[in-house]
Amino acid sequence: MRFITVPHQMLRRVAVALAAALLVVLAWHWGKTYGYRTWAATLPLSDRYSLRDVNTTQKVAALTFDISWGTVMPAKVVHLLAADHVAATFFLSGPWAKQNPQLVREMVKDGFEIESHGWAHVNYSELSTPQIEANIMKTNQVLEELTGKRPTLVRPPNGDFNSRTILAARAVGYTTVTWGTDSLDWMNPGVATIISRVVTRIHPGDIVLLHASDTCKQTDLALPTILRQLAAKGYRLVTVNQLLTYGSPNYRG
């Protein structure tokens, strides 16, 4: 058996090249992770975090409903709210709104606020900045055509966001909104649990997350009691944009 002898000089060159490549990879990883964090930490709160509630001592709050799928639960929720003359904000996905124009127009007629839930139900942090902007603007076109008004708020699918997604949304004229209280109705945890989470956790200036998609089977059953108990606690329910007139916006992670 013959062994190939590699000159020491060549070995050194290979070692140096591998070390340089490793440093490049490590530098890229550091820049992507820690460099991004350092940059994000220098931004104002409104560029780092989503709108979760409003700073106020008055008993006002906004009930918000995300809709992406189905027609049964959306119609039930709209009719329940309209019957009680309750203000609310609906965050609609573009495909759903396009497929259900009559119900969207009914929402507008009943005085509900219509805002954006984006187009594809994907995490924005996994999209490029141009993809985020396109996702939002594709829905913007549908909602503006149906309502006659340009939305200004977007709730990212799954509540997923970071500084880059917030700045991308702002670049096309949108404020990112999540929530202060999560009803967990999307988990179908039981009517009593949904009621308890909303009624016990709500606070002045709160934005409450609810859903009106068909995958959420208990929202309509919990809603009448939620409305009744919030009224008993002295809460006035308004839209998100109305809520912003009661105090300064609170941006949190």
C-alpha atoms as a PDB file:
ATOM      1  CA  MET A   1       0.000   0.000   0.000  1.00  0.00           C
ATOM      2  CA  ARG A   2       1.349   3.398  -0.966  1.00  0.00           C
ATOM      3  CA  PHE A   3       0.688   6.520   1.110  1.00  0.00           C
ATOM      4  CA  ILE A   4       0.392   9.930  -0.464  1.00  0.00           C
ATOM      5  CA  THR A   5       2.517  12.528   1.226  1.00  0.00           C
ATOM      6  CA  VAL A   6       0.930  15.963   1.398  1.00  0.00           C
ATOM      7  CA  PRO A   7       3.324  18.874   1.776  1.00  0.00           C
ATOM      8  CA  HIS A   8       3.061  20.704   5.095  1.00  0.00           C
ATOM      9  CA  GLN A   9       2.601  23.994   3.253  1.00  0.00           C
ATOM     10  CA  MET A  10      -0.504  22.666   1.489  1.00  0.00           C
ATOM     11  CA  LEU A  11      -1.911  21.359   4.770  1.00  0.00           C
ATOM     12  CA  ARG A  12      -1.452  24.774   6.326  1.00  0.00           C
ATOM     13  CA  ARG A  13      -3.266  26.417   3.413  1.00  0.00           C
ATOM     14  CA  VAL A  14      -6.188  24.004   3.730  1.00  0.00           C
ATOM     15  CA  ALA A  15      -6.352  24.575   7.487  1.00  0.00           C
ATOM     16  CA  VAL A  16      -6.311  28.346   7.036  1.00  0.00           C
ATOM     17  CA  ALA A  17      -9.060  28.150   4.394  1.00  0.00           C
ATOM     18  CA  LEU A  18     -11.250  25.985   6.630  1.00  0.00           C
ATOM     19  CA  ALA A  19     -10.704  28.294   9.588  1.00  0.00           C
ATOM     20  CA  ALA A  20     -11.613  31.318   7.472  1.00  0.00           C
ATOM     21  CA  ALA A  21     -14.773  29.606   6.236  1.00  0.00           C
ATOM     22  CA  LEU A  22     -15.734  28.743   9.810  1.00  0.00           C
ATOM     23  CA  LEU A  23     -15.220  32.345  10.893  1.00  0.00           C
ATOM     24  CA  VAL A  24     -17.450  33.557   8.061  1.00  0.00           C
ATOM     25  CA  VAL A  25     -20.224  31.167   9.125  1.00  0.00           C
ATOM     26  CA  LEU A  26     -19.899  32.164  12.779  1.00  0.00           C
ATOM     27  CA  ALA A  27     -19.886  35.863  11.904  1.00  0.00           C
ATOM     28  CA  TRP A  28     -23.007  35.428   9.772  1.00  0.00           C
ATOM     29  CA  HIS A  29     -24.771  33.547  12.557  1.00  0.00           C
ATOM     30  CA  TRP A  30     -23.775  36.150  15.147  1.00  0.00           C
ATOM     31  CA  GLY A  31     -24.878  38.986  12.914  1.00  0.00           C
ATOM     32  CA  LYS A  32     -28.202  37.351  12.158  1.00  0.00           C
ATOM     33  CA  THR A  33     -28.961  36.547  15.794  1.00  0.00           C
ATOM     34  CA  TYR A  34     -27.174  38.974  18.081  1.00  0.00           C
ATOM     35  CA  GLY A  35     -26.666  41.734  15.534  1.00  0.00           C
ATOM     36  CA  TYR A  36     -30.399  41.746  14.816  1.00  0.00           C
ATOM     37  CA  ARG A  37     -31.195  41.807  18.521  1.00  0.00           C
ATOM     38  CA  THR A  38     -28.785  44.682  19.093  1.00  0.00           C
ATOM     39  CA  TRP A  39     -30.317  46.628  16.222  1.00  0.00           C
ATOM     40  CA  ALA A  40     -33.887  45.884  17.353  1.00  0.00           C
ATOM     41  CA  ALA A  41     -33.103  46.996  20.901  1.00  0.00           C
ATOM     42  CA  THR A  42     -32.309  50.494  19.618  1.00  0.00           C
ATOM     43  CA  LEU A  43     -35.766  50.939  18.096  1.00  0.00           C
ATOM     44  CA  PRO A  44     -38.672  52.685  19.858  1.00  0.00           C
ATOM     45  CA  LEU A  45     -41.275  50.383  21.427  1.00  0.00           C
ATOM     46  CA  SER A  46     -43.736  51.036  18.603  1.00  0.00           C
ATOM     47  CA  ASP A  47     -41.195  49.622  16.109  1.00  0.00           C
ATOM     48  CA  ARG A  48     -40.369  46.572  18.213  1.00  0.00           C
ATOM     49  CA  TYR A  49     -43.674  45.401  19.616  1.00  0.00           C
ATOM     50  CA  SER A  50     -47.333  45.080  18.710  1.00  0.00           C
ATOM     51  CA  LEU A  51     -50.216  47.174  20.006  1.00  0.00           C
ATOM     52  CA  ARG A  52     -51.747  45.197  22.884  1.00  0.00           C
ATOM     53  CA  ASP A  53     -53.899  47.679  24.767  1.00  0.00           C
ATOM     54  CA  VAL A  54     -54.366  51.362  25.594  1.00  0.00           C
ATOM     55  CA  ASN A  55     -53.311  53.267  28.695  1.00  0.00           C
ATOM     56  CA  THR A  56     -56.537  54.456  30.307  1.00  0.00           C
ATOM     57  CA  THR A  57     -58.366  54.213  33.611  1.00  0.00           C
ATOM     58  CA  GLN A  58     -61.769  54.259  31.946  1.00  0.00           C
ATOM     59  CA  LYS A  59     -63.664  50.988  31.640  1.00  0.00           C
ATOM     60  CA  VAL A  60     -63.499  50.677  27.877  1.00  0.00           C
ATOM     61  CA  ALA A  61     -62.284  47.686  25.890  1.00  0.00           C
ATOM     62  CA  ALA A  62     -62.343  46.289  22.367  1.00  0.00           C
ATOM     63  CA  LEU A  63     -63.624  42.841  21.477  1.00  0.00           C
ATOM     64  CA  THR A  64     -61.839  41.631  18.344  1.00  0.00           C
ATOM     65  CA  PHE A  65     -62.628  38.616  16.187  1.00  0.00           C
ATOM     66  CA  ASP A  66     -60.306  36.908  13.707  1.00  0.00           C
ATOM     67  CA  ILE A  67     -61.938  35.150  10.753  1.00  0.00           C
ATOM     68  CA  SER A  68     -60.190  32.889   8.259  1.00  0.00           C
ATOM     69  CA  TRP A  69     -62.500  29.928   7.632  1.00  0.00           C
ATOM     70  CA  GLY A  70     -66.178  29.055   7.329  1.00  0.00           C
ATOM     71  CA  THR A  71     -69.527  30.820   7.222  1.00  0.00           C
ATOM     72  CA  VAL A  72     -71.548  29.365  10.107  1.00  0.00           C
ATOM     73  CA  MET A  73     -69.704  30.852  13.100  1.00  0.00           C
ATOM     74  CA  PRO A  74     -69.047  34.224  11.414  1.00  0.00           C
ATOM     75  CA  ALA A  75     -72.770  34.718  10.773  1.00  0.00           C
ATOM     76  CA  LYS A  76     -73.698  33.661  14.319  1.00  0.00           C
ATOM     77  CA  VAL A  77     -71.222  36.058  15.935  1.00  0.00           C
ATOM     78  CA  VAL A  78     -72.189  38.980  13.701  1.00  0.00           C
ATOM     79  CA  HIS A  79     -75.883  38.489  14.449  1.00  0.00           C
ATOM     80  CA  LEU A  80     -75.303  38.152  18.207  1.00  0.00           C
ATOM     81  CA  LEU A  81     -73.291  41.369  18.356  1.00  0.00           C
ATOM     82  CA  ALA A  82     -75.675  43.266  16.086  1.00  0.00           C
ATOM     83  CA  ALA A  83     -78.701  42.198  18.133  1.00  0.00           C
ATOM     84  CA  ASP A  84     -77.102  43.704  21.254  1.00  0.00           C
ATOM     85  CA  HIS A  85     -75.786  46.766  19.360  1.00  0.00           C
ATOM     86  CA  VAL A  86     -72.239  45.954  20.492  1.00  0.00           C
ATOM     87  CA  ALA A  87     -69.249  47.513  18.731  1.00  0.00           C
ATOM     88  CA  ALA A  88     -66.470  45.146  17.665  1.00  0.00           C
ATOM     89  CA  THR A  89     -63.522  44.856  15.302  1.00  0.00           C
ATOM     90  CA  PHE A  90     -63.220  41.999  12.810  1.00  0.00           C
ATOM     91  CA  PHE A  91     -59.796  41.061  11.470  1.00  0.00           C
ATOM     92  CA  LEU A  92     -60.542  39.328   8.170  1.00  0.00           C
ATOM     93  CA  SER A  93     -58.249  37.225   6.016  1.00  0.00           C
ATOM     94  CA  GLY A  94     -58.230  38.245   2.365  1.00  0.00           C
ATOM     95  CA  PRO A  95     -59.365  34.901   0.897  1.00  0.00           C
ATOM     96  CA  TRP A  96     -62.257  34.646   3.359  1.00  0.00           C
ATOM     97  CA  ALA A  97     -63.439  38.187   2.635  1.00  0.00           C
ATOM     98  CA  LYS A  98     -63.223  37.576  -1.102  1.00  0.00           C
ATOM     99  CA  GLN A  99     -65.334  34.423  -0.780  1.00  0.00           C
ATOM    100  CA  ASN A 100     -67.917  36.032   1.530  1.00  0.00           C
ATOM    101  CA  PRO A 101     -68.540  39.550   0.196  1.00  0.00           C
ATOM    102  CA  GLN A 102     -72.169  39.676   1.319  1.00  0.00           C
ATOM    103  CA  LEU A 103     -71.319  38.952   4.953  1.00  0.00           C
ATOM    104  CA  VAL A 104     -68.517  41.538   4.868  1.00  0.00           C
ATOM    105  CA  ARG A 105     -70.969  44.132   3.573  1.00  0.00           C
ATOM    106  CA  GLU A 106     -73.409  43.128   6.314  1.00  0.00           C
ATOM    107  CA  MET A 107     -70.668  43.748   8.898  1.00  0.00           C
ATOM    108  CA  VAL A 108     -70.112  47.211   7.481  1.00  0.00           C
ATOM    109  CA  LYS A 109     -73.845  47.931   7.440  1.00  0.00           C
ATOM    110  CA  ASP A 110     -74.073  46.915  11.110  1.00  0.00           C
ATOM    111  CA  GLY A 111     -71.293  49.366  11.975  1.00  0.00           C
ATOM    112  CA  PHE A 112     -68.483  46.922  12.725  1.00  0.00           C
ATOM    113  CA  GLU A 113     -64.866  47.851  12.136  1.00  0.00           C
ATOM    114  CA  ILE A 114     -63.134  45.808   9.418  1.00  0.00           C
ATOM    115  CA  GLU A 115     -59.373  45.348   9.597  1.00  0.00           C
ATOM    116  CA  SER A 116     -56.811  42.983   8.074  1.00  0.00           C
ATOM    117  CA  HIS A 117     -55.726  39.474   9.035  1.00  0.00           C
ATOM    118  CA  GLY A 118     -53.443  39.242   6.017  1.00  0.00           C
ATOM    119  CA  TRP A 119     -53.716  36.862   3.083  1.00  0.00           C
ATOM    120  CA  ALA A 120     -51.876  33.575   3.644  1.00  0.00           C
ATOM    121  CA  HIS A 121     -52.207  32.241   7.196  1.00  0.00           C
ATOM    122  CA  VAL A 122     -48.459  31.939   7.775  1.00  0.00           C
ATOM    123  CA  ASN A 123     -46.008  33.356  10.295  1.00  0.00           C
ATOM    124  CA  TYR A 124     -44.810  36.731   9.050  1.00  0.00           C
ATOM    125  CA  SER A 125     -41.403  36.279  10.683  1.00  0.00           C
ATOM    126  CA  GLU A 126     -40.772  33.443   8.211  1.00  0.00           C
ATOM    127  CA  LEU A 127     -41.493  35.661   5.193  1.00  0.00           C
ATOM    128  CA  SER A 128     -39.231  38.160   3.485  1.00  0.00           C
ATOM    129  CA  THR A 129     -40.068  41.842   3.862  1.00  0.00           C
ATOM    130  CA  PRO A 130     -41.445  42.085   0.279  1.00  0.00           C
ATOM    131  CA  GLN A 131     -43.577  38.986   0.927  1.00  0.00           C
ATOM    132  CA  ILE A 132     -45.027  40.527   4.098  1.00  0.00           C
ATOM    133  CA  GLU A 133     -45.881  43.738   2.281  1.00  0.00           C
ATOM    134  CA  ALA A 134     -47.458  41.811  -0.612  1.00  0.00           C
ATOM    135  CA  ASN A 135     -49.441  39.638   1.813  1.00  0.00           C
ATOM    136  CA  ILE A 136     -50.904  42.694   3.514  1.00  0.00           C
ATOM    137  CA  MET A 137     -51.568  44.696   0.359  1.00  0.00           C
ATOM    138  CA  LYS A 138     -53.306  41.811  -1.413  1.00  0.00           C
ATOM    139  CA  THR A 139     -55.836  41.732   1.414  1.00  0.00           C
ATOM    140  CA  ASN A 140     -55.958  45.524   1.487  1.00  0.00           C
ATOM    141  CA  GLN A 141     -57.250  45.576  -2.084  1.00  0.00           C
ATOM    142  CA  VAL A 142     -60.063  43.124  -1.302  1.00  0.00           C
ATOM    143  CA  LEU A 143     -61.157  44.829   1.919  1.00  0.00           C
ATOM    144  CA  GLU A 144     -61.035  48.320   0.459  1.00  0.00           C
ATOM    145  CA  GLU A 145     -63.162  47.242  -2.508  1.00  0.00           C
ATOM    146  CA  LEU A 146     -65.754  45.607  -0.237  1.00  0.00           C
ATOM    147  CA  THR A 147     -65.923  48.246   2.495  1.00  0.00           C
ATOM    148  CA  GLY A 148     -65.018  51.450   0.678  1.00  0.00           C
ATOM    149  CA  LYS A 149     -62.445  52.153   3.372  1.00  0.00           C
ATOM    150  CA  ARG A 150     -58.745  51.413   3.592  1.00  0.00           C
ATOM    151  CA  PRO A 151     -57.845  49.346   6.679  1.00  0.00           C
ATOM    152  CA  THR A 152     -55.042  50.635   8.907  1.00  0.00           C
ATOM    153  CA  LEU A 153     -54.606  47.743  11.352  1.00  0.00           C
ATOM    154  CA  VAL A 154     -53.259  44.258  10.745  1.00  0.00           C
ATOM    155  CA  ARG A 155     -53.306  41.279  13.076  1.00  0.00           C
ATOM    156  CA  PRO A 156     -50.584  38.900  11.912  1.00  0.00           C
ATOM    157  CA  PRO A 157     -51.596  35.236  11.674  1.00  0.00           C
ATOM    158  CA  ASN A 158     -50.871  33.354  14.907  1.00  0.00           C
ATOM    159  CA  GLY A 159     -49.933  36.675  16.512  1.00  0.00           C
ATOM    160  CA  ASP A 160     -46.438  36.173  15.102  1.00  0.00           C
ATOM    161  CA  PHE A 161     -44.284  39.280  14.721  1.00  0.00           C
ATOM    162  CA  ASN A 162     -40.873  40.831  15.237  1.00  0.00           C
ATOM    163  CA  SER A 163     -39.392  44.254  14.596  1.00  0.00           C
ATOM    164  CA  ARG A 164     -38.900  43.541  10.909  1.00  0.00           C
ATOM    165  CA  THR A 165     -42.515  42.478  10.345  1.00  0.00           C
ATOM    166  CA  ILE A 166     -43.795  45.507  12.258  1.00  0.00           C
ATOM    167  CA  LEU A 167     -41.684  47.868  10.154  1.00  0.00           C
ATOM    168  CA  ALA A 168     -42.772  46.082   6.959  1.00  0.00           C
ATOM    169  CA  ALA A 169     -46.424  46.559   7.913  1.00  0.00           C
ATOM    170  CA  ARG A 170     -45.830  50.201   8.776  1.00  0.00           C
ATOM    171  CA  ALA A 171     -44.143  50.765   5.417  1.00  0.00           C
ATOM    172  CA  VAL A 172     -47.480  50.013   3.726  1.00  0.00           C
ATOM    173  CA  GLY A 173     -49.514  52.033   6.223  1.00  0.00           C
ATOM    174  CA  TYR A 174     -50.460  49.444   8.846  1.00  0.00           C
ATOM    175  CA  THR A 175     -50.127  49.182  12.625  1.00  0.00           C
ATOM    176  CA  THR A 176     -49.615  45.667  14.001  1.00  0.00           C
ATOM    177  CA  VAL A 177     -52.225  44.718  16.604  1.00  0.00           C
ATOM    178  CA  THR A 178     -52.246  41.624  18.800  1.00  0.00           C
ATOM    179  CA  TRP A 179     -54.098  41.497  22.135  1.00  0.00           C
ATOM    180  CA  GLY A 180     -53.977  42.006  25.874  1.00  0.00           C
ATOM    181  CA  THR A 181     -56.362  39.157  26.748  1.00  0.00           C
ATOM    182  CA  ASP A 182     -56.565  35.851  24.885  1.00  0.00           C
ATOM    183  CA  SER A 183     -59.894  34.057  25.318  1.00  0.00           C
ATOM    184  CA  LEU A 184     -58.332  30.795  24.062  1.00  0.00           C
ATOM    185  CA  ASP A 185     -61.579  30.122  22.192  1.00  0.00           C
ATOM    186  CA  TRP A 186     -59.439  28.837  19.305  1.00  0.00           C
ATOM    187  CA  MET A 187     -58.598  25.848  21.521  1.00  0.00           C
ATOM    188  CA  ASN A 188     -62.274  25.044  22.207  1.00  0.00           C
ATOM    189  CA  PRO A 189     -61.476  24.727  25.938  1.00  0.00           C
ATOM    190  CA  GLY A 190     -65.100  24.834  27.082  1.00  0.00           C
ATOM    191  CA  VAL A 191     -67.633  27.649  27.240  1.00  0.00           C
ATOM    192  CA  ALA A 192     -67.033  28.313  30.941  1.00  0.00           C
ATOM    193  CA  THR A 193     -63.281  28.673  30.376  1.00  0.00           C
ATOM    194  CA  ILE A 194     -63.742  31.176  27.548  1.00  0.00           C
ATOM    195  CA  ILE A 195     -66.132  33.253  29.650  1.00  0.00           C
ATOM    196  CA  SER A 196     -63.876  33.162  32.695  1.00  0.00           C
ATOM    197  CA  ARG A 197     -60.734  34.132  30.805  1.00  0.00           C
ATOM    198  CA  VAL A 198     -62.371  37.190  29.262  1.00  0.00           C
ATOM    199  CA  VAL A 199     -64.376  38.396  32.250  1.00  0.00           C
ATOM    200  CA  THR A 200     -61.647  37.910  34.873  1.00  0.00           C
ATOM    201  CA  ARG A 201     -58.705  39.156  32.785  1.00  0.00           C
ATOM    202  CA  ILE A 202     -60.212  42.157  31.040  1.00  0.00           C
ATOM    203  CA  HIS A 203     -58.854  45.544  32.124  1.00  0.00           C
ATOM    204  CA  PRO A 204     -59.379  49.189  31.122  1.00  0.00           C
ATOM    205  CA  GLY A 205     -58.081  49.748  27.594  1.00  0.00           C
ATOM    206  CA  ASP A 206     -57.892  46.018  26.842  1.00  0.00           C
ATOM    207  CA  ILE A 207     -57.938  44.409  23.396  1.00  0.00           C
ATOM    208  CA  VAL A 208     -59.565  40.978  23.673  1.00  0.00           C
ATOM    209  CA  LEU A 209     -58.795  38.178  21.217  1.00  0.00           C
ATOM    210  CA  LEU A 210     -61.739  36.068  20.053  1.00  0.00           C
ATOM    211  CA  HIS A 211     -62.404  34.120  16.863  1.00  0.00           C
ATOM    212  CA  ALA A 212     -65.368  33.689  14.558  1.00  0.00           C
ATOM    213  CA  SER A 213     -64.039  30.963  12.266  1.00  0.00           C
ATOM    214  CA  ASP A 214     -65.906  27.671  11.995  1.00  0.00           C
ATOM    215  CA  THR A 215     -63.023  25.835  13.686  1.00  0.00           C
ATOM    216  CA  CYS A 216     -63.947  27.655  16.913  1.00  0.00           C
ATOM    217  CA  LYS A 217     -67.036  25.808  18.092  1.00  0.00           C
ATOM    218  CA  GLN A 218     -67.822  27.569  21.380  1.00  0.00           C
ATOM    219  CA  THR A 219     -67.426  31.306  20.779  1.00  0.00           C
ATOM    220  CA  ASP A 220     -71.097  31.952  20.019  1.00  0.00           C
ATOM    221  CA  LEU A 221     -72.136  30.013  23.132  1.00  0.00           C
ATOM    222  CA  ALA A 222     -69.823  32.029  25.373  1.00  0.00           C
ATOM    223  CA  LEU A 223     -70.496  35.433  23.835  1.00  0.00           C
ATOM    224  CA  PRO A 224     -73.932  36.260  25.347  1.00  0.00           C
ATOM    225  CA  THR A 225     -72.671  35.660  28.891  1.00  0.00           C
ATOM    226  CA  ILE A 226     -69.464  37.594  28.206  1.00  0.00           C
ATOM    227  CA  LEU A 227     -71.464  40.589  26.984  1.00  0.00           C
ATOM    228  CA  ARG A 228     -73.840  40.422  29.931  1.00  0.00           C
ATOM    229  CA  GLN A 229     -71.095  40.133  32.559  1.00  0.00           C
ATOM    230  CA  LEU A 230     -68.937  42.865  31.025  1.00  0.00           C
ATOM    231  CA  ALA A 231     -71.939  45.196  31.015  1.00  0.00           C
ATOM    232  CA  ALA A 232     -72.531  44.341  34.680  1.00  0.00           C
ATOM    233  CA  LYS A 233     -68.909  45.279  35.413  1.00  0.00           C
ATOM    234  CA  GLY A 234     -69.489  48.657  33.775  1.00  0.00           C
ATOM    235  CA  TYR A 235     -67.479  48.121  30.592  1.00  0.00           C
ATOM    236  CA  ARG A 236     -68.198  49.986  27.392  1.00  0.00           C
ATOM    237  CA  LEU A 237     -67.198  48.032  24.281  1.00  0.00           C
ATOM    238  CA  VAL A 238     -65.720  49.959  21.355  1.00  0.00           C
ATOM    239  CA  THR A 239     -63.704  49.300  18.204  1.00  0.00           C
ATOM    240  CA  VAL A 240     -59.903  49.274  18.290  1.00  0.00           C
ATOM    241  CA  ASN A 241     -59.636  52.652  16.569  1.00  0.00           C
ATOM    242  CA  GLN A 242     -62.174  54.112  18.983  1.00  0.00           C
ATOM    243  CA  LEU A 243     -60.200  52.640  21.874  1.00  0.00           C
ATOM    244  CA  LEU A 244     -57.112  54.540  20.728  1.00  0.00           C
ATOM    245  CA  THR A 245     -58.919  57.825  21.419  1.00  0.00           C
ATOM    246  CA  TYR A 246     -59.088  57.001  25.140  1.00  0.00           C
ATOM    247  CA  GLY A 247     -55.355  56.964  25.815  1.00  0.00           C
ATOM    248  CA  SER A 248     -51.875  56.333  24.516  1.00  0.00           C
ATOM    249  CA  PRO A 249     -51.195  53.011  22.777  1.00  0.00           C
ATOM    250  CA  ASN A 250     -49.338  50.390  24.769  1.00  0.00           C
ATOM    251  CA  TYR A 251     -46.776  48.408  22.771  1.00  0.00           C
ATOM    252  CA  ARG A 252     -45.491  45.240  24.421  1.00  0.00           C
ATOM    253  CA  GLY A 253     -43.773  42.012  23.445  1.00  0.00           C
END
